[in-house]
Every structure is written in structure tokens, then in C-alpha cells.
Amino acid sequence: MFRQLSIETDSKRISREAHSLKSAAATFGYRRLASLAARLEKNAARLTGSDYRELLDRIDAAYAEGRAQDVRVAQH
């Protein structure tokens, strides 16, 4: 959903959605993802388009890492 929003015109919504992501990530123990979401929440109004895309790439990677860890734990 974040990739469909424009940092230039949707920064308030991005900030609100990042707040929700931060909370959900923390609930599931995805600390890195929660930290990145907090950064997005705090800085949405100041990010450039390229900074925003870079942060989204990092958020995607953190989510994938968290899911992979969940799979490894479930297998043991």
C-alpha cells in the first residue's frame, strides 16, 4: 500500500499508516520493522521521493526477514 502513495502528496496518510505498521510489527516482535516504521512515521513530511523508496525497500526487507525467522521457529 505504501508504494501506491506519494510522499509528496500523501505524507500525512503515510505517517498514520506507518504508525499502525509500527504497532503491529512490535506486537509480533519484528523489532527492525517497527524501528523502520517509526522512522517513516516521524519523517514522512521531510522525506524526498528517493529517500521514501529507499526506506520502503528496507521495510520490505525487514518484513521478509521477520517472516523468515517465524518460519524457522515454526519448523523447530
PDB file of N, CA and C in Angstrom:
ATOM      1  N   MET A   1       0.813  -1.177   0.000  1.00  0.00           N
ATOM      2  CA  MET A   1       0.000   0.000   0.000  1.00  0.00           C
ATOM      3  C   MET A   1       0.869   1.258   0.000  1.00  0.00           C
ATOM      4  N   PHE A   2       1.959   1.238   0.750  1.00  0.00           N
ATOM      5  CA  PHE A   2       2.837   2.415   0.799  1.00  0.00           C
ATOM      6  C   PHE A   2       3.338   2.799  -0.592  1.00  0.00           C
ATOM      7  N   ARG A   3       3.595   1.811  -1.420  1.00  0.00           N
ATOM      8  CA  ARG A   3       4.150   2.092  -2.750  1.00  0.00           C
ATOM      9  C   ARG A   3       3.126   2.760  -3.662  1.00  0.00           C
ATOM     10  N   GLN A   4       1.875   2.671  -3.329  1.00  0.00           N
ATOM     11  CA  GLN A   4       0.836   3.329  -4.117  1.00  0.00           C
ATOM     12  C   GLN A   4       0.603   4.768  -3.676  1.00  0.00           C
ATOM     13  N   LEU A   5       1.206   5.160  -2.559  1.00  0.00           N
ATOM     14  CA  LEU A   5       1.058   6.520  -2.046  1.00  0.00           C
ATOM     15  C   LEU A   5       2.255   7.367  -2.455  1.00  0.00           C
ATOM     16  N   SER A   6       2.007   8.636  -2.627  1.00  0.00           N
ATOM     17  CA  SER A   6       3.066   9.577  -2.992  1.00  0.00           C
ATOM     18  C   SER A   6       3.533  10.318  -1.743  1.00  0.00           C
ATOM     19  N   ILE A   7       4.818  10.312  -1.506  1.00  0.00           N
ATOM     20  CA  ILE A   7       5.354  11.020  -0.346  1.00  0.00           C
ATOM     21  C   ILE A   7       5.097  12.519  -0.471  1.00  0.00           C
ATOM     22  N   GLU A   8       5.023  13.003  -1.689  1.00  0.00           N
ATOM     23  CA  GLU A   8       4.813  14.434  -1.908  1.00  0.00           C
ATOM     24  C   GLU A   8       3.391  14.873  -1.555  1.00  0.00           C
ATOM     25  N   THR A   9       2.399  14.021  -1.795  1.00  0.00           N
ATOM     26  CA  THR A   9       1.007  14.420  -1.572  1.00  0.00           C
ATOM     27  C   THR A   9       0.300  13.654  -0.455  1.00  0.00           C
ATOM     28  N   ASP A  10       0.864  12.541  -0.022  1.00  0.00           N
ATOM     29  CA  ASP A  10       0.188  11.683   0.956  1.00  0.00           C
ATOM     30  C   ASP A  10       0.969  11.514   2.250  1.00  0.00           C
ATOM     31  N   SER A  11       1.822  12.454   2.586  1.00  0.00           N
ATOM     32  CA  SER A  11       2.709  12.254   3.740  1.00  0.00           C
ATOM     33  C   SER A  11       1.944  12.069   5.049  1.00  0.00           C
ATOM     34  N   LYS A  12       0.809  12.742   5.216  1.00  0.00           N
ATOM     35  CA  LYS A  12       0.041  12.558   6.461  1.00  0.00           C
ATOM     36  C   LYS A  12      -0.524  11.147   6.557  1.00  0.00           C
ATOM     37  N   ARG A  13      -1.055  10.656   5.462  1.00  0.00           N
ATOM     38  CA  ARG A  13      -1.582   9.283   5.468  1.00  0.00           C
ATOM     39  C   ARG A  13      -0.453   8.277   5.655  1.00  0.00           C
ATOM     40  N   ILE A  14       0.673   8.519   5.007  1.00  0.00           N
ATOM     41  CA  ILE A  14       1.828   7.640   5.153  1.00  0.00           C
ATOM     42  C   ILE A  14       2.254   7.588   6.612  1.00  0.00           C
ATOM     43  N   SER A  15       2.281   8.729   7.261  1.00  0.00           N
ATOM     44  CA  SER A  15       2.654   8.781   8.671  1.00  0.00           C
ATOM     45  C   SER A  15       1.682   7.969   9.529  1.00  0.00           C
ATOM     46  N   ARG A  16       0.389   8.109   9.281  1.00  0.00           N
ATOM     47  CA  ARG A  16      -0.623   7.352  10.049  1.00  0.00           C
ATOM     48  C   ARG A  16      -0.489   5.847   9.811  1.00  0.00           C
ATOM     49  N   GLU A  17      -0.294   5.480   8.559  1.00  0.00           N
ATOM     50  CA  GLU A  17      -0.152   4.060   8.235  1.00  0.00           C
ATOM     51  C   GLU A  17       1.142   3.492   8.820  1.00  0.00           C
ATOM     52  N   ALA A  18       2.184   4.290   8.825  1.00  0.00           N
ATOM     53  CA  ALA A  18       3.456   3.861   9.418  1.00  0.00           C
ATOM     54  C   ALA A  18       3.288   3.647  10.921  1.00  0.00           C
ATOM     55  N   HIS A  19       2.490   4.489  11.565  1.00  0.00           N
ATOM     56  CA  HIS A  19       2.214   4.326  12.995  1.00  0.00           C
ATOM     57  C   HIS A  19       1.538   2.972  13.244  1.00  0.00           C
ATOM     58  N   SER A  20       0.568   2.635  12.409  1.00  0.00           N
ATOM     59  CA  SER A  20      -0.117   1.346  12.531  1.00  0.00           C
ATOM     60  C   SER A  20       0.841   0.187  12.293  1.00  0.00           C
ATOM     61  N   LEU A  21       1.687   0.324  11.280  1.00  0.00           N
ATOM     62  CA  LEU A  21       2.672  -0.720  10.991  1.00  0.00           C
ATOM     63  C   LEU A  21       3.634  -0.887  12.154  1.00  0.00           C
ATOM     64  N   LYS A  22       4.069   0.221  12.720  1.00  0.00           N
ATOM     65  CA  LYS A  22       4.986   0.179  13.865  1.00  0.00           C
ATOM     66  C   LYS A  22       4.381  -0.634  15.002  1.00  0.00           C
ATOM     67  N   SER A  23       3.128  -0.365  15.305  1.00  0.00           N
ATOM     68  CA  SER A  23       2.450  -1.068  16.399  1.00  0.00           C
ATOM     69  C   SER A  23       2.292  -2.555  16.100  1.00  0.00           C
ATOM     70  N   ALA A  24       1.857  -2.869  14.898  1.00  0.00           N
ATOM     71  CA  ALA A  24       1.675  -4.272  14.529  1.00  0.00           C
ATOM     72  C   ALA A  24       3.011  -5.023  14.537  1.00  0.00           C
ATOM     73  N   ALA A  25       4.037  -4.399  14.001  1.00  0.00           N
ATOM     74  CA  ALA A  25       5.352  -5.039  13.965  1.00  0.00           C
ATOM     75  C   ALA A  25       5.864  -5.300  15.375  1.00  0.00           C
ATOM     76  N   ALA A  26       5.672  -4.351  16.259  1.00  0.00           N
ATOM     77  CA  ALA A  26       6.113  -4.531  17.644  1.00  0.00           C
ATOM     78  C   ALA A  26       5.344  -5.669  18.311  1.00  0.00           C
ATOM     79  N   THR A  27       4.058  -5.767  18.025  1.00  0.00           N
ATOM     80  CA  THR A  27       3.231  -6.832  18.590  1.00  0.00           C
ATOM     81  C   THR A  27       3.773  -8.207  18.224  1.00  0.00           C
ATOM     82  N   PHE A  28       4.263  -8.337  17.002  1.00  0.00           N
ATOM     83  CA  PHE A  28       4.767  -9.628  16.537  1.00  0.00           C
ATOM     84  C   PHE A  28       6.272  -9.800  16.746  1.00  0.00           C
ATOM     85  N   GLY A  29       6.899  -8.842  17.393  1.00  0.00           N
ATOM     86  CA  GLY A  29       8.318  -8.962  17.706  1.00  0.00           C
ATOM     87  C   GLY A  29       9.254  -8.632  16.565  1.00  0.00           C
ATOM     88  N   TYR A  30       8.748  -7.935  15.550  1.00  0.00           N
ATOM     89  CA  TYR A  30       9.583  -7.536  14.422  1.00  0.00           C
ATOM     90  C   TYR A  30      10.222  -6.192  14.761  1.00  0.00           C
ATOM     91  N   ARG A  31      11.265  -6.247  15.565  1.00  0.00           N
ATOM     92  CA  ARG A  31      11.863  -5.002  16.084  1.00  0.00           C
ATOM     93  C   ARG A  31      12.441  -4.110  14.990  1.00  0.00           C
ATOM     94  N   ARG A  32      13.133  -4.700  14.048  1.00  0.00           N
ATOM     95  CA  ARG A  32      13.734  -3.889  12.981  1.00  0.00           C
ATOM     96  C   ARG A  32      12.646  -3.223  12.144  1.00  0.00           C
ATOM     97  N   LEU A  33      11.618  -3.976  11.826  1.00  0.00           N
ATOM     98  CA  LEU A  33      10.498  -3.423  11.058  1.00  0.00           C
ATOM     99  C   LEU A  33       9.815  -2.312  11.845  1.00  0.00           C
ATOM    100  N   ALA A  34       9.603  -2.513  13.131  1.00  0.00           N
ATOM    101  CA  ALA A  34       8.981  -1.476  13.964  1.00  0.00           C
ATOM    102  C   ALA A  34       9.833  -0.214  13.995  1.00  0.00           C
ATOM    103  N   SER A  35      11.141  -0.388  14.064  1.00  0.00           N
ATOM    104  CA  SER A  35      12.047   0.757  14.081  1.00  0.00           C
ATOM    105  C   SER A  35      11.994   1.536  12.765  1.00  0.00           C
ATOM    106  N   LEU A  36      11.986   0.820  11.663  1.00  0.00           N
ATOM    107  CA  LEU A  36      11.911   1.481  10.356  1.00  0.00           C
ATOM    108  C   LEU A  36      10.560   2.176  10.167  1.00  0.00           C
ATOM    109  N   ALA A  37       9.500   1.548  10.623  1.00  0.00           N
ATOM    110  CA  ALA A  37       8.176   2.169  10.541  1.00  0.00           C
ATOM    111  C   ALA A  37       8.126   3.434  11.394  1.00  0.00           C
ATOM    112  N   ALA A  38       8.766   3.403  12.555  1.00  0.00           N
ATOM    113  CA  ALA A  38       8.820   4.601  13.403  1.00  0.00           C
ATOM    114  C   ALA A  38       9.569   5.722  12.698  1.00  0.00           C
ATOM    115  N   ARG A  39      10.629   5.366  12.005  1.00  0.00           N
ATOM    116  CA  ARG A  39      11.385   6.368  11.243  1.00  0.00           C
ATOM    117  C   ARG A  39      10.521   6.977  10.149  1.00  0.00           C
ATOM    118  N   LEU A  40       9.761   6.135   9.458  1.00  0.00           N
ATOM    119  CA  LEU A  40       8.865   6.627   8.417  1.00  0.00           C
ATOM    120  C   LEU A  40       7.777   7.514   9.016  1.00  0.00           C
ATOM    121  N   GLU A  41       7.212   7.070  10.119  1.00  0.00           N
ATOM    122  CA  GLU A  41       6.173   7.864  10.782  1.00  0.00           C
ATOM    123  C   GLU A  41       6.692   9.260  11.156  1.00  0.00           C
ATOM    124  N   LYS A  42       7.855   9.306  11.735  1.00  0.00           N
ATOM    125  CA  LYS A  42       8.426  10.561  12.225  1.00  0.00           C
ATOM    126  C   LYS A  42       8.862  11.491  11.093  1.00  0.00           C
ATOM    127  N   ASN A  43       9.359  10.923  10.009  1.00  0.00           N
ATOM    128  CA  ASN A  43       9.996  11.735   8.968  1.00  0.00           C
ATOM    129  C   ASN A  43       9.214  11.851   7.668  1.00  0.00           C
ATOM    130  N   ALA A  44       8.003  11.350   7.609  1.00  0.00           N
ATOM    131  CA  ALA A  44       7.248  11.332   6.352  1.00  0.00           C
ATOM    132  C   ALA A  44       7.159  12.708   5.702  1.00  0.00           C
ATOM    133  N   ALA A  45       6.969  13.738   6.486  1.00  0.00           N
ATOM    134  CA  ALA A  45       6.804  15.090   5.925  1.00  0.00           C
ATOM    135  C   ALA A  45       8.100  15.643   5.344  1.00  0.00           C
ATOM    136  N   ARG A  46       9.240  15.036   5.681  1.00  0.00           N
ATOM    137  CA  ARG A  46      10.535  15.573   5.242  1.00  0.00           C
ATOM    138  C   ARG A  46      11.264  14.707   4.215  1.00  0.00           C
ATOM    139  N   LEU A  47      10.735  13.534   3.923  1.00  0.00           N
ATOM    140  CA  LEU A  47      11.444  12.628   3.019  1.00  0.00           C
ATOM    141  C   LEU A  47      11.312  13.053   1.560  1.00  0.00           C
ATOM    142  N   THR A  48      12.372  12.857   0.826  1.00  0.00           N
ATOM    143  CA  THR A  48      12.309  13.020  -0.631  1.00  0.00           C
ATOM    144  C   THR A  48      11.744  11.732  -1.224  1.00  0.00           C
ATOM    145  N   GLY A  49      11.385  11.775  -2.472  1.00  0.00           N
ATOM    146  CA  GLY A  49      10.885  10.580  -3.137  1.00  0.00           C
ATOM    147  C   GLY A  49      11.870   9.434  -3.103  1.00  0.00           C
ATOM    148  N   SER A  50      13.134   9.719  -3.372  1.00  0.00           N
ATOM    149  CA  SER A  50      14.141   8.649  -3.371  1.00  0.00           C
ATOM    150  C   SER A  50      14.391   8.122  -1.959  1.00  0.00           C
ATOM    151  N   ASP A  51      14.387   9.006  -0.957  1.00  0.00           N
ATOM    152  CA  ASP A  51      14.541   8.549   0.430  1.00  0.00           C
ATOM    153  C   ASP A  51      13.376   7.658   0.844  1.00  0.00           C
ATOM    154  N   TYR A  52      12.188   8.040   0.414  1.00  0.00           N
ATOM    155  CA  TYR A  52      10.992   7.268   0.721  1.00  0.00           C
ATOM    156  C   TYR A  52      11.083   5.870   0.101  1.00  0.00           C
ATOM    157  N   ARG A  53      11.435   5.786  -1.161  1.00  0.00           N
ATOM    158  CA  ARG A  53      11.553   4.490  -1.826  1.00  0.00           C
ATOM    159  C   ARG A  53      12.634   3.629  -1.177  1.00  0.00           C
ATOM    160  N   GLU A  54      13.744   4.246  -0.806  1.00  0.00           N
ATOM    161  CA  GLU A  54      14.812   3.504  -0.134  1.00  0.00           C
ATOM    162  C   GLU A  54      14.327   2.955   1.208  1.00  0.00           C
ATOM    163  N   LEU A  55      13.605   3.764   1.955  1.00  0.00           N
ATOM    164  CA  LEU A  55      13.084   3.316   3.241  1.00  0.00           C
ATOM    165  C   LEU A  55      12.060   2.191   3.036  1.00  0.00           C
ATOM    166  N   LEU A  56      11.236   2.290   2.016  1.00  0.00           N
ATOM    167  CA  LEU A  56      10.284   1.211   1.726  1.00  0.00           C
ATOM    168  C   LEU A  56      11.006  -0.084   1.367  1.00  0.00           C
ATOM    169  N   ASP A  57      12.100   0.014   0.645  1.00  0.00           N
ATOM    170  CA  ASP A  57      12.899  -1.182   0.336  1.00  0.00           C
ATOM    171  C   ASP A  57      13.414  -1.815   1.629  1.00  0.00           C
ATOM    172  N   ARG A  58      13.857  -1.003   2.552  1.00  0.00           N
ATOM    173  CA  ARG A  58      14.356  -1.507   3.835  1.00  0.00           C
ATOM    174  C   ARG A  58      13.220  -2.108   4.661  1.00  0.00           C
ATOM    175  N   ILE A  59      12.044  -1.481   4.602  1.00  0.00           N
ATOM    176  CA  ILE A  59      10.871  -2.013   5.308  1.00  0.00           C
ATOM    177  C   ILE A  59      10.488  -3.370   4.727  1.00  0.00           C
ATOM    178  N   ASP A  60      10.462  -3.482   3.402  1.00  0.00           N
ATOM    179  CA  ASP A  60      10.157  -4.765   2.766  1.00  0.00           C
ATOM    180  C   ASP A  60      11.146  -5.845   3.196  1.00  0.00           C
ATOM    181  N   ALA A  61      12.420  -5.503   3.224  1.00  0.00           N
ATOM    182  CA  ALA A  61      13.454  -6.466   3.624  1.00  0.00           C
ATOM    183  C   ALA A  61      13.291  -6.880   5.085  1.00  0.00           C
ATOM    184  N   ALA A  62      12.989  -5.929   5.952  1.00  0.00           N
ATOM    185  CA  ALA A  62      12.805  -6.233   7.372  1.00  0.00           C
ATOM    186  C   ALA A  62      11.595  -7.141   7.572  1.00  0.00           C
ATOM    187  N   TYR A  63      10.534  -6.907   6.821  1.00  0.00           N
ATOM    188  CA  TYR A  63       9.359  -7.764   6.904  1.00  0.00           C
ATOM    189  C   TYR A  63       9.708  -9.181   6.447  1.00  0.00           C
ATOM    190  N   ALA A  64      10.409  -9.282   5.332  1.00  0.00           N
ATOM    191  CA  ALA A  64      10.801 -10.606   4.821  1.00  0.00           C
ATOM    192  C   ALA A  64      11.683 -11.336   5.832  1.00  0.00           C
ATOM    193  N   GLU A  65      12.593 -10.621   6.464  1.00  0.00           N
ATOM    194  CA  GLU A  65      13.459 -11.240   7.475  1.00  0.00           C
ATOM    195  C   GLU A  65      12.640 -11.733   8.663  1.00  0.00           C
ATOM    196  N   GLY A  66      11.695 -10.934   9.098  1.00  0.00           N
ATOM    197  CA  GLY A  66      10.841 -11.331  10.215  1.00  0.00           C
ATOM    198  C   GLY A  66      10.013 -12.568   9.881  1.00  0.00           C
ATOM    199  N   ARG A  67       9.439 -12.587   8.695  1.00  0.00           N
ATOM    200  CA  ARG A  67       8.641 -13.744   8.273  1.00  0.00           C
ATOM    201  C   ARG A  67       9.519 -14.989   8.165  1.00  0.00           C
ATOM    202  N   ALA A  68      10.718 -14.840   7.633  1.00  0.00           N
ATOM    203  CA  ALA A  68      11.622 -15.983   7.520  1.00  0.00           C
ATOM    204  C   ALA A  68      11.989 -16.523   8.898  1.00  0.00           C
ATOM    205  N   GLN A  69      12.191 -15.639   9.837  1.00  0.00           N
ATOM    206  CA  GLN A  69      12.505 -16.061  11.209  1.00  0.00           C
ATOM    207  C   GLN A  69      11.307 -16.807  11.803  1.00  0.00           C
ATOM    208  N   ASP A  70      10.103 -16.327  11.560  1.00  0.00           N
ATOM    209  CA  ASP A  70       8.914 -17.014  12.051  1.00  0.00           C
ATOM    210  C   ASP A  70       8.816 -18.418  11.489  1.00  0.00           C
ATOM    211  N   VAL A  71       9.138 -18.577  10.219  1.00  0.00           N
ATOM    212  CA  VAL A  71       9.093 -19.893   9.572  1.00  0.00           C
ATOM    213  C   VAL A  71      10.132 -20.820  10.211  1.00  0.00           C
ATOM    214  N   ARG A  72      11.336 -20.298  10.436  1.00  0.00           N
ATOM    215  CA  ARG A  72      12.388 -21.126  11.051  1.00  0.00           C
ATOM    216  C   ARG A  72      11.962 -21.563  12.451  1.00  0.00           C
ATOM    217  N   VAL A  73      11.389 -20.667  13.225  1.00  0.00           N
ATOM    218  CA  VAL A  73      10.946 -21.003  14.583  1.00  0.00           C
ATOM    219  C   VAL A  73       9.833 -22.037  14.529  1.00  0.00           C
ATOM    220  N   ALA A  74       8.911 -21.887  13.608  1.00  0.00           N
ATOM    221  CA  ALA A  74       7.793 -22.818  13.497  1.00  0.00           C
ATOM    222  C   ALA A  74       8.249 -24.224  13.099  1.00  0.00           C
ATOM    223  N   GLN A  75       9.361 -24.302  12.384  1.00  0.00           N
ATOM    224  CA  GLN A  75       9.859 -25.602  11.929  1.00  0.00           C
ATOM    225  C   GLN A  75      10.587 -26.364  13.028  1.00  0.00           C
ATOM    226  N   HIS A  76      10.936 -25.697  14.090  1.00  0.00           N
ATOM    227  CA  HIS A  76      11.685 -26.370  15.163  1.00  0.00           C
ATOM    228  C   HIS A  76      10.831 -26.719  16.304  1.00  0.00           C
TER     229      HIS A  76
END
